[in-house]
N, C-alpha and C. Protein backbone atom coordinates (compact mmCIF):
# COMPACT_ATOMS: atom_id res chain seq x y z
N MET A 1 -5.16 -16.11 7.50
CA MET A 1 -5.03 -15.32 6.07
C MET A 1 -6.06 -13.86 6.50
N LYS A 2 -7.09 -14.26 6.59
CA LYS A 2 -8.23 -13.13 7.02
C LYS A 2 -7.71 -11.96 8.07
N GLN A 3 -7.10 -12.56 9.20
CA GLN A 3 -6.56 -11.97 10.05
C GLN A 3 -5.28 -10.99 9.47
N ILE A 4 -4.34 -11.58 8.75
CA ILE A 4 -3.45 -10.88 8.27
C ILE A 4 -4.02 -9.77 7.32
N LEU A 5 -4.85 -10.08 6.38
CA LEU A 5 -5.36 -9.12 5.50
C LEU A 5 -6.21 -7.95 6.40
N PHE A 6 -6.87 -8.27 7.36
CA PHE A 6 -7.43 -7.42 8.40
C PHE A 6 -6.22 -6.60 9.11
N VAL A 7 -5.26 -7.01 9.55
CA VAL A 7 -4.03 -6.18 9.94
C VAL A 7 -3.52 -5.33 8.95
N ILE A 8 -3.19 -5.95 7.60
CA ILE A 8 -2.79 -4.81 6.55
C ILE A 8 -3.91 -3.77 6.49
N PHE A 9 -5.27 -4.22 6.22
CA PHE A 9 -6.42 -3.29 5.84
C PHE A 9 -6.11 -2.03 6.72
N SER A 10 -6.10 -2.55 7.92
CA SER A 10 -5.99 -1.34 9.17
C SER A 10 -4.84 -0.46 9.24
N ILE A 11 -3.63 -1.27 8.61
CA ILE A 11 -2.34 -0.29 8.62
C ILE A 11 -2.59 0.50 7.56
N ALA A 12 -3.04 -0.05 6.34
CA ALA A 12 -3.22 0.95 5.43
C ALA A 12 -4.08 2.50 5.61
N MET A 13 -5.13 1.94 6.31
CA MET A 13 -5.91 2.86 6.56
C MET A 13 -5.31 3.92 7.61
N LEU A 14 -4.51 3.42 8.56
CA LEU A 14 -3.87 4.21 9.60
C LEU A 14 -2.99 5.19 8.73
N SER A 15 -2.08 4.56 7.68
CA SER A 15 -1.30 5.06 6.71
C SER A 15 -2.02 6.21 5.86
N ALA A 16 -3.12 5.85 5.67
CA ALA A 16 -3.97 6.82 4.76
C ALA A 16 -4.26 8.01 5.63
N CYS A 17 -4.59 8.01 6.87
CA CYS A 17 -5.04 9.10 7.74
C CYS A 17 -3.56 9.84 8.15
N THR A 18 -2.44 8.99 8.21
CA THR A 18 -1.46 9.62 8.48
C THR A 18 -0.93 10.74 7.13
N PHE A 19 -1.08 9.91 5.95
CA PHE A 19 -0.69 10.51 4.59
C PHE A 19 -1.53 11.90 4.63
N SER A 20 -2.62 12.04 5.04
CA SER A 20 -3.52 12.96 4.77
C SER A 20 -3.64 14.24 6.01
N GLY A 21 -2.62 14.27 6.76
CA GLY A 21 -2.45 15.09 7.91
C GLY A 21 -3.24 14.59 9.23
N GLY A 22 -3.71 13.16 9.31
CA GLY A 22 -4.60 13.06 10.41
C GLY A 22 -6.00 13.27 10.44
N LYS A 23 -6.39 13.76 8.96
CA LYS A 23 -7.81 14.28 9.26
C LYS A 23 -8.64 12.95 8.83
N ALA A 24 -9.92 13.01 9.42
CA ALA A 24 -10.76 12.16 8.95
C ALA A 24 -11.40 11.97 7.68
N SER A 25 -11.06 12.74 6.75
CA SER A 25 -11.26 12.97 5.39
C SER A 25 -10.07 12.96 4.67
N LEU A 26 -9.89 12.25 3.52
CA LEU A 26 -8.68 12.58 2.63
C LEU A 26 -8.91 13.50 1.70
N SER A 27 -9.82 14.51 1.62
CA SER A 27 -10.08 15.54 0.69
C SER A 27 -9.03 16.78 1.15
N GLY A 28 -8.48 16.77 2.32
CA GLY A 28 -7.61 17.85 2.63
C GLY A 28 -8.46 18.87 3.48
N ALA A 29 -9.85 18.89 3.51
CA ALA A 29 -10.76 19.60 4.19
C ALA A 29 -10.62 19.12 5.66
N PRO A 30 -10.58 19.99 6.88
CA PRO A 30 -10.64 19.68 8.05
C PRO A 30 -11.78 18.85 8.36
N ALA A 31 -11.60 18.08 9.51
CA ALA A 31 -12.73 17.05 9.73
C ALA A 31 -13.67 18.07 10.42
N ALA A 32 -15.08 17.26 10.48
CA ALA A 32 -16.14 18.03 11.07
C ALA A 32 -16.23 17.97 12.53
N ASP A 33 -15.98 19.10 13.03
CA ASP A 33 -15.90 18.98 14.62
C ASP A 33 -17.44 18.93 15.33
N SER A 34 -18.43 18.84 14.81
CA SER A 34 -19.68 18.71 15.30
C SER A 34 -20.20 17.64 16.05
N ARG A 35 -19.45 16.66 16.02
CA ARG A 35 -19.57 15.39 16.66
C ARG A 35 -18.33 15.30 17.70
N PRO A 36 -18.66 14.47 18.71
CA PRO A 36 -17.57 14.25 19.31
C PRO A 36 -16.63 13.28 18.76
N PRO A 37 -15.16 13.02 18.92
CA PRO A 37 -14.20 12.42 18.31
C PRO A 37 -14.70 11.01 18.03
N ALA A 38 -15.36 10.25 19.01
CA ALA A 38 -15.64 9.05 19.31
C ALA A 38 -16.59 8.59 18.22
N TYR A 39 -17.34 9.62 17.62
CA TYR A 39 -18.47 9.27 16.85
C TYR A 39 -18.34 9.58 15.24
N SER A 40 -17.14 10.42 15.20
CA SER A 40 -16.43 10.98 14.01
C SER A 40 -16.41 9.46 12.75
N SER A 41 -16.78 9.85 11.52
CA SER A 41 -16.92 8.88 10.62
C SER A 41 -15.45 8.98 9.68
N PHE A 42 -14.88 7.88 9.20
CA PHE A 42 -13.92 8.02 8.28
C PHE A 42 -14.71 7.86 6.92
N GLN A 43 -14.45 8.68 5.87
CA GLN A 43 -15.24 8.40 4.70
C GLN A 43 -14.49 8.73 3.49
N ILE A 44 -14.47 8.11 2.53
CA ILE A 44 -13.69 8.08 1.16
C ILE A 44 -14.70 8.30 0.15
N GLY A 45 -14.65 9.17 -0.64
CA GLY A 45 -15.54 9.03 -1.82
C GLY A 45 -14.92 8.43 -2.74
N ARG A 46 -15.77 7.80 -3.86
CA ARG A 46 -15.07 7.00 -4.84
C ARG A 46 -14.18 8.04 -5.75
N LYS A 47 -14.42 9.13 -5.89
CA LYS A 47 -13.55 9.92 -6.71
C LYS A 47 -12.45 10.90 -6.05
N ALA A 48 -12.45 10.71 -4.53
CA ALA A 48 -11.55 11.37 -3.93
C ALA A 48 -10.05 10.88 -4.02
N ILE A 49 -10.05 9.41 -4.26
CA ILE A 49 -8.74 9.01 -4.33
C ILE A 49 -8.37 8.56 -5.61
N GLN A 50 -7.19 9.24 -6.34
CA GLN A 50 -6.98 9.09 -7.56
C GLN A 50 -5.50 8.25 -7.58
N LEU A 51 -5.44 7.10 -8.06
CA LEU A 51 -4.33 6.19 -8.29
C LEU A 51 -3.47 6.90 -9.31
N LEU A 52 -2.10 6.66 -8.92
CA LEU A 52 -1.16 6.76 -10.12
C LEU A 52 -1.58 6.01 -11.46
N PRO A 53 -1.34 6.50 -12.50
CA PRO A 53 -1.32 5.51 -13.66
C PRO A 53 -0.66 4.36 -13.61
N TYR A 54 -1.29 3.49 -14.14
CA TYR A 54 -0.72 1.90 -14.07
C TYR A 54 0.85 1.82 -14.14
N PRO A 55 1.42 2.45 -15.46
CA PRO A 55 2.80 2.29 -15.77
C PRO A 55 3.69 2.85 -14.73
N MET A 56 3.07 4.14 -13.75
CA MET A 56 3.87 4.65 -12.64
C MET A 56 4.08 3.88 -11.65
N ARG A 57 2.71 3.40 -11.52
CA ARG A 57 2.74 2.32 -10.27
C ARG A 57 3.54 1.33 -10.33
N MET A 58 3.68 0.64 -11.61
CA MET A 58 4.62 -0.61 -11.74
C MET A 58 6.08 0.10 -11.91
N SER A 59 6.43 1.19 -12.29
CA SER A 59 7.81 1.72 -12.20
C SER A 59 8.15 1.85 -10.72
N LYS A 60 7.35 2.43 -9.89
CA LYS A 60 7.69 2.79 -8.57
C LYS A 60 7.69 1.40 -7.88
N LEU A 61 6.87 0.20 -8.37
CA LEU A 61 7.51 -1.07 -7.57
C LEU A 61 8.44 -1.75 -7.96
N ARG A 62 8.87 -1.81 -9.38
CA ARG A 62 10.03 -2.22 -9.69
C ARG A 62 11.30 -1.60 -9.13
N HIS A 63 11.03 -0.06 -8.75
CA HIS A 63 12.39 0.83 -8.18
C HIS A 63 12.31 -0.02 -6.71
N VAL A 64 11.02 -0.31 -6.14
CA VAL A 64 11.45 -1.15 -4.62
C VAL A 64 11.75 -2.54 -4.72
N VAL A 65 11.39 -3.39 -5.90
CA VAL A 65 11.68 -4.66 -5.88
C VAL A 65 13.15 -4.68 -6.21
N ARG A 66 13.54 -4.05 -7.11
CA ARG A 66 14.77 -4.06 -7.46
C ARG A 66 15.35 -5.47 -8.13
N SER A 67 14.39 -5.89 -9.09
CA SER A 67 14.73 -7.14 -9.94
C SER A 67 13.98 -7.15 -11.28
N ASP A 68 14.89 -7.64 -12.07
CA ASP A 68 14.38 -7.45 -13.62
C ASP A 68 13.54 -9.22 -13.63
N ASN A 69 13.39 -9.79 -12.79
CA ASN A 69 12.86 -11.13 -12.97
C ASN A 69 11.24 -11.00 -13.29
N PRO A 70 10.75 -11.40 -14.27
CA PRO A 70 9.15 -11.03 -14.74
C PRO A 70 8.24 -11.79 -14.00
N ASP A 71 8.86 -12.88 -13.31
CA ASP A 71 7.97 -13.78 -12.43
C ASP A 71 7.47 -12.94 -11.03
N PHE A 72 8.28 -12.08 -10.78
CA PHE A 72 7.66 -10.80 -9.74
C PHE A 72 6.65 -10.08 -9.88
N PHE A 73 6.27 -9.81 -11.27
CA PHE A 73 5.45 -9.06 -11.58
C PHE A 73 4.40 -9.75 -12.29
N ARG A 74 4.45 -10.95 -12.50
CA ARG A 74 3.47 -11.81 -13.60
C ARG A 74 2.17 -11.66 -12.83
N ALA A 75 1.85 -11.77 -11.65
CA ALA A 75 0.04 -11.76 -11.01
C ALA A 75 -0.37 -10.11 -11.35
N ILE A 76 0.60 -9.33 -11.35
CA ILE A 76 0.04 -7.92 -11.61
C ILE A 76 -0.36 -7.58 -13.03
N GLU A 77 0.76 -8.06 -13.96
CA GLU A 77 0.73 -8.01 -15.02
C GLU A 77 -0.68 -8.67 -15.77
N GLU A 78 -0.86 -9.79 -15.22
CA GLU A 78 -2.08 -10.76 -15.68
C GLU A 78 -3.42 -9.88 -15.36
N ARG A 79 -3.16 -9.05 -14.35
CA ARG A 79 -4.63 -8.54 -14.01
C ARG A 79 -4.53 -7.02 -14.26
N LYS A 80 -3.68 -6.57 -14.85
CA LYS A 80 -3.33 -5.11 -15.05
C LYS A 80 -4.45 -4.17 -15.68
N ASN A 81 -5.56 -4.68 -16.57
CA ASN A 81 -6.42 -3.85 -16.95
C ASN A 81 -7.59 -3.88 -15.87
N GLU A 82 -7.67 -5.01 -14.99
CA GLU A 82 -8.66 -4.88 -13.67
C GLU A 82 -7.94 -3.73 -12.89
N LEU A 83 -6.78 -3.39 -12.69
CA LEU A 83 -6.02 -2.44 -11.91
C LEU A 83 -5.95 -1.12 -12.32
N GLY A 84 -6.54 -1.11 -13.76
CA GLY A 84 -6.66 0.46 -13.88
C GLY A 84 -5.70 0.84 -15.07
N ALA A 85 -5.24 -0.25 -15.83
CA ALA A 85 -4.23 -0.06 -17.02
C ALA A 85 -5.11 0.08 -18.19
N PHE A 86 -4.62 0.68 -19.30
CA PHE A 86 -5.33 0.92 -20.52
C PHE A 86 -4.90 0.04 -21.64
N ASP A 87 -5.74 -0.21 -22.41
CA ASP A 87 -5.61 -1.21 -23.73
C ASP A 87 -6.47 -0.56 -24.73
N HIS A 88 -5.58 0.53 -25.43
CA HIS A 88 -6.65 1.14 -26.57
C HIS A 88 -6.97 0.14 -27.77
N SER A 89 -6.05 -0.84 -27.91
CA SER A 89 -6.68 -1.86 -29.15
C SER A 89 -7.73 -2.57 -28.63
N ARG A 90 -8.19 -2.66 -27.11
CA ARG A 90 -9.29 -3.46 -27.00
C ARG A 90 -10.59 -2.52 -26.35
N GLY A 91 -10.34 -1.25 -26.46
CA GLY A 91 -11.14 -0.13 -26.22
C GLY A 91 -11.30 0.16 -24.49
N ILE A 92 -10.00 -0.52 -23.79
CA ILE A 92 -10.39 -0.32 -22.47
C ILE A 92 -9.58 1.01 -22.03
N GLY A 93 -10.09 2.13 -21.37
CA GLY A 93 -9.55 3.21 -20.97
C GLY A 93 -8.88 2.93 -19.52
N GLN A 94 -8.15 3.98 -19.29
CA GLN A 94 -7.43 4.14 -18.04
C GLN A 94 -8.62 4.40 -16.86
N GLU A 95 -8.43 3.43 -15.68
CA GLU A 95 -8.97 3.63 -14.68
C GLU A 95 -8.32 4.11 -13.10
N LEU A 96 -8.48 5.25 -12.70
CA LEU A 96 -7.69 5.48 -11.49
C LEU A 96 -8.22 5.79 -10.19
N SER A 97 -9.55 5.24 -10.23
CA SER A 97 -10.08 5.07 -8.77
C SER A 97 -9.84 4.12 -8.31
N TRP A 98 -9.94 4.16 -6.84
CA TRP A 98 -9.28 3.03 -5.86
C TRP A 98 -10.36 2.55 -5.26
N LEU A 99 -11.08 1.26 -5.89
CA LEU A 99 -12.05 0.83 -5.18
C LEU A 99 -11.64 -0.53 -4.61
N GLU A 100 -12.59 -1.06 -3.82
CA GLU A 100 -12.39 -2.08 -3.04
C GLU A 100 -11.93 -3.56 -3.53
N THR A 101 -12.55 -3.54 -4.91
CA THR A 101 -12.12 -4.75 -5.78
C THR A 101 -10.64 -4.52 -5.90
N ARG A 102 -10.21 -3.31 -6.55
CA ARG A 102 -9.05 -3.14 -6.86
C ARG A 102 -7.73 -3.13 -5.74
N MET A 103 -8.32 -2.54 -4.60
CA MET A 103 -7.48 -2.84 -3.16
C MET A 103 -7.20 -4.42 -3.12
N GLU A 104 -8.08 -5.01 -3.24
CA GLU A 104 -8.18 -6.54 -2.96
C GLU A 104 -7.07 -7.15 -4.11
N LEU A 105 -7.21 -6.96 -5.37
CA LEU A 105 -6.38 -7.49 -6.29
C LEU A 105 -5.01 -6.91 -6.29
N TRP A 106 -4.77 -5.64 -6.12
CA TRP A 106 -3.48 -5.30 -5.57
C TRP A 106 -2.71 -6.06 -4.58
N THR A 107 -3.55 -6.09 -3.45
CA THR A 107 -2.86 -6.59 -2.50
C THR A 107 -2.33 -8.08 -2.53
N LYS A 108 -3.26 -8.85 -3.06
CA LYS A 108 -3.21 -10.16 -3.54
C LYS A 108 -2.08 -10.04 -4.45
N ALA A 109 -1.99 -9.45 -5.41
CA ALA A 109 -0.79 -9.47 -6.54
C ALA A 109 0.53 -9.25 -5.96
N VAL A 110 0.42 -8.17 -4.90
CA VAL A 110 2.13 -7.84 -4.28
C VAL A 110 2.38 -8.59 -3.16
N GLN A 111 1.31 -9.71 -2.56
CA GLN A 111 1.80 -10.45 -1.64
C GLN A 111 2.74 -11.60 -1.96
N PRO A 112 2.85 -12.35 -2.75
CA PRO A 112 4.04 -12.79 -3.50
C PRO A 112 5.34 -11.94 -3.32
N ILE A 113 5.20 -10.90 -3.89
CA ILE A 113 6.60 -10.03 -3.97
C ILE A 113 6.98 -9.92 -2.57
N CYS A 114 6.25 -9.60 -1.57
CA CYS A 114 6.39 -9.15 -0.10
C CYS A 114 6.89 -10.31 0.55
N GLY A 115 6.48 -11.62 0.14
CA GLY A 115 6.61 -12.92 0.96
C GLY A 115 7.97 -13.47 0.37
N SER A 116 8.46 -13.01 -0.75
CA SER A 116 9.68 -13.71 -1.19
C SER A 116 10.95 -13.57 -0.60
N SER A 117 11.82 -14.53 -0.88
CA SER A 117 12.99 -14.54 -0.09
C SER A 117 13.85 -13.15 -0.72
N HIS A 118 13.76 -13.02 -1.98
CA HIS A 118 14.25 -11.83 -2.41
C HIS A 118 14.29 -10.39 -1.79
N MET A 119 12.90 -10.28 -1.48
CA MET A 119 12.56 -8.76 -0.73
C MET A 119 13.17 -9.10 0.81
N PHE A 120 13.02 -10.00 1.45
CA PHE A 120 13.35 -10.24 3.02
C PHE A 120 14.98 -10.25 2.83
N GLU A 121 15.59 -10.50 1.99
CA GLU A 121 17.10 -10.38 1.97
C GLU A 121 17.49 -8.96 1.68
N LEU A 122 16.85 -8.45 0.58
CA LEU A 122 16.76 -7.01 0.10
C LEU A 122 16.56 -6.07 1.39
N TYR A 123 15.61 -6.20 1.96
CA TYR A 123 15.53 -5.00 2.91
C TYR A 123 15.19 -5.85 4.65
N SER A 124 15.06 -6.94 4.93
CA SER A 124 15.23 -7.87 6.20
C SER A 124 14.05 -6.82 7.04
N TRP A 125 13.82 -7.62 8.32
CA TRP A 125 12.80 -7.17 9.24
C TRP A 125 13.73 -6.26 9.88
N ARG A 126 13.42 -5.03 10.44
CA ARG A 126 13.97 -4.12 11.27
C ARG A 126 15.29 -3.38 10.35
N GLY A 127 16.21 -4.14 9.91
CA GLY A 127 17.40 -3.63 9.55
C GLY A 127 17.14 -2.90 8.35
N GLY A 128 16.18 -3.48 7.23
CA GLY A 128 16.34 -2.68 6.10
C GLY A 128 14.88 -2.02 5.82
N LEU A 129 14.32 -1.75 6.92
CA LEU A 129 12.87 -0.95 6.91
C LEU A 129 12.90 0.49 6.46
N THR A 130 13.88 1.03 6.82
CA THR A 130 14.23 2.42 6.62
C THR A 130 14.56 2.64 5.06
N GLN A 131 15.39 1.99 4.41
CA GLN A 131 15.61 1.91 3.28
C GLN A 131 14.37 1.16 2.48
N LEU A 132 13.49 0.59 2.79
CA LEU A 132 12.36 0.11 2.16
C LEU A 132 11.39 1.21 2.20
N VAL A 133 11.19 2.16 2.96
CA VAL A 133 10.53 3.17 3.25
C VAL A 133 11.05 4.31 2.17
N LEU A 134 12.42 4.62 2.30
CA LEU A 134 13.27 5.42 1.60
C LEU A 134 12.91 4.99 -0.10
N ASN A 135 12.91 4.05 -0.48
CA ASN A 135 12.57 3.47 -1.94
C ASN A 135 11.16 3.67 -2.35
N ALA A 136 10.25 3.37 -1.46
CA ALA A 136 9.07 3.36 -1.74
C ALA A 136 8.25 4.88 -1.79
N TYR A 137 8.58 5.55 -0.67
CA TYR A 137 8.00 6.63 -0.51
C TYR A 137 8.83 7.89 -0.71
N GLY A 138 10.03 7.78 -0.82
CA GLY A 138 11.18 8.94 -0.78
C GLY A 138 11.59 9.75 0.13
N ARG A 139 11.32 9.11 1.30
CA ARG A 139 11.52 9.97 2.50
C ARG A 139 11.71 9.00 3.62
N GLU A 140 12.32 9.42 5.06
CA GLU A 140 12.67 8.96 6.10
C GLU A 140 11.49 8.04 6.75
N LEU A 141 11.65 7.06 7.53
CA LEU A 141 10.87 6.59 8.62
C LEU A 141 10.08 7.99 9.32
N SER A 142 8.68 7.84 9.57
CA SER A 142 8.13 8.86 10.58
C SER A 142 7.60 8.24 11.60
N SER A 143 7.41 8.90 12.55
CA SER A 143 7.03 8.05 13.87
C SER A 143 5.92 7.39 13.86
N ALA A 144 4.82 7.79 12.68
CA ALA A 144 3.79 6.85 12.29
C ALA A 144 4.24 5.47 11.86
N ASP A 145 5.31 5.74 10.83
CA ASP A 145 5.92 4.40 10.52
C ASP A 145 6.39 3.45 11.43
N GLU A 146 7.10 4.18 12.53
CA GLU A 146 7.65 3.47 13.73
C GLU A 146 6.75 2.71 14.45
N ASP A 147 5.59 3.74 14.85
CA ASP A 147 4.33 2.75 15.43
C ASP A 147 3.85 1.67 14.96
N ILE A 148 3.67 1.56 13.59
CA ILE A 148 3.42 0.49 12.78
C ILE A 148 4.13 -0.81 12.94
N ILE A 149 5.59 -0.34 13.02
CA ILE A 149 6.54 -1.57 12.95
C ILE A 149 6.51 -1.89 14.40
N ASN A 150 6.48 -1.22 15.24
CA ASN A 150 6.21 -1.60 16.64
C ASN A 150 5.02 -2.48 17.01
N ARG A 151 3.87 -2.15 16.30
CA ARG A 151 2.68 -2.78 16.39
C ARG A 151 3.08 -4.30 15.86
N ILE A 152 3.55 -4.32 14.54
CA ILE A 152 3.88 -5.50 14.06
C ILE A 152 4.82 -6.38 14.70
N ASP A 153 5.82 -5.74 15.07
CA ASP A 153 6.92 -6.38 15.82
C ASP A 153 6.31 -7.08 17.09
N GLY A 154 5.23 -6.38 17.82
CA GLY A 154 4.70 -7.31 19.03
C GLY A 154 4.00 -8.21 18.51
N MET A 155 3.81 -8.73 17.10
CA MET A 155 3.03 -9.88 16.92
C MET A 155 4.10 -11.31 17.19
N ASN A 156 3.31 -12.28 17.42
CA ASN A 156 4.24 -13.66 17.73
C ASN A 156 4.19 -14.17 16.55
N ILE A 157 4.88 -13.80 15.43
CA ILE A 157 5.07 -14.28 14.20
C ILE A 157 6.55 -14.41 13.76
N THR A 158 6.87 -15.01 12.82
CA THR A 158 8.34 -15.03 12.37
C THR A 158 8.61 -13.57 11.75
N PRO A 159 10.19 -13.45 11.76
CA PRO A 159 10.40 -11.98 10.97
C PRO A 159 10.28 -12.01 9.68
N GLN A 160 10.09 -13.03 8.92
CA GLN A 160 9.63 -13.16 7.64
C GLN A 160 8.37 -12.52 7.45
N ALA A 161 7.49 -13.15 8.29
CA ALA A 161 6.12 -12.98 8.43
C ALA A 161 5.68 -11.25 8.80
N LYS A 162 6.41 -10.97 9.83
CA LYS A 162 6.43 -9.64 9.96
C LYS A 162 6.82 -8.54 9.00
N PHE A 163 7.99 -9.07 8.22
CA PHE A 163 8.31 -8.36 6.87
C PHE A 163 7.20 -8.40 5.94
N GLU A 164 6.65 -9.37 5.86
CA GLU A 164 5.61 -9.39 4.72
C GLU A 164 4.45 -8.56 4.91
N ILE A 165 4.11 -8.59 6.21
CA ILE A 165 2.97 -7.46 6.61
C ILE A 165 3.32 -6.22 6.49
N TYR A 166 4.49 -5.95 6.99
CA TYR A 166 5.01 -4.63 6.76
C TYR A 166 5.23 -3.83 5.48
N CYS A 167 5.80 -4.79 4.41
CA CYS A 167 5.76 -4.76 3.00
C CYS A 167 4.51 -4.46 2.18
N LEU A 168 3.75 -5.30 2.54
CA LEU A 168 2.29 -5.27 2.15
C LEU A 168 1.41 -3.80 2.48
N SER A 169 1.78 -3.53 3.68
CA SER A 169 1.05 -2.07 4.07
C SER A 169 1.83 -0.98 3.53
N VAL A 170 3.23 -1.30 3.06
CA VAL A 170 3.64 0.16 2.36
C VAL A 170 3.31 0.01 1.18
N LEU A 171 3.55 -1.42 0.36
CA LEU A 171 3.22 -1.45 -1.07
C LEU A 171 1.65 -1.03 -1.46
N SER A 172 0.85 -1.15 -0.42
CA SER A 172 -0.69 -1.15 -0.86
C SER A 172 -1.28 0.19 -0.11
N SER A 173 -0.34 1.05 0.50
CA SER A 173 -0.63 2.54 0.95
C SER A 173 -1.15 3.39 0.04
N LEU A 174 -1.80 4.46 0.26
CA LEU A 174 -2.03 5.62 -0.64
C LEU A 174 -1.09 6.36 -0.72
N GLU A 175 0.03 6.29 0.32
CA GLU A 175 1.19 7.28 -0.09
C GLU A 175 2.04 6.73 -1.25
N PHE A 176 1.96 5.26 -1.42
CA PHE A 176 2.51 4.52 -2.46
C PHE A 176 1.88 4.65 -3.59
N LEU A 177 0.77 4.72 -3.89
CA LEU A 177 -0.32 4.30 -5.01
C LEU A 177 -0.92 5.52 -5.67
N THR A 178 -0.82 6.54 -4.84
CA THR A 178 -1.62 7.64 -5.50
C THR A 178 -0.53 9.17 -5.49
N LEU A 179 -1.14 10.05 -6.27
CA LEU A 179 -0.39 11.20 -6.47
C LEU A 179 -0.28 12.15 -5.35
């Protein structure tokens, strides 16, 4: 499980770099050229990444999942305040920062969705990934997406497990979760 989560985190970070134009910084500023590339650091400030508001993230997720079954979203709804939702009646304000704990909670919450037979039948491995990316990101597959898919395809695991890993990388990516 740790190995799969490491792969997902690595893919998400690769997606983040691709989403930001391949820079070592997500601020949009060019990466510092004062050090050789081998020593460049990848830094994300706590305030640099702003999540979409919780209702928007859930709307996007429902669009991708294409199911009205509340069981798909139960794990997320149970932790919605920890994921940045607001509840004015309890004095809980909206929180849009993307912290390590929130990353972990989100990934664990969407894992049953990505591992479901519904999602595998809806998108499948290889055959439906173009539609998954189109529904999640609103664009066609890029060369970076193809590279990630090829890396996952080279793993000695079932097509369902491959799909689950790619689905998790898509639904946990900055491109899916941020403005």
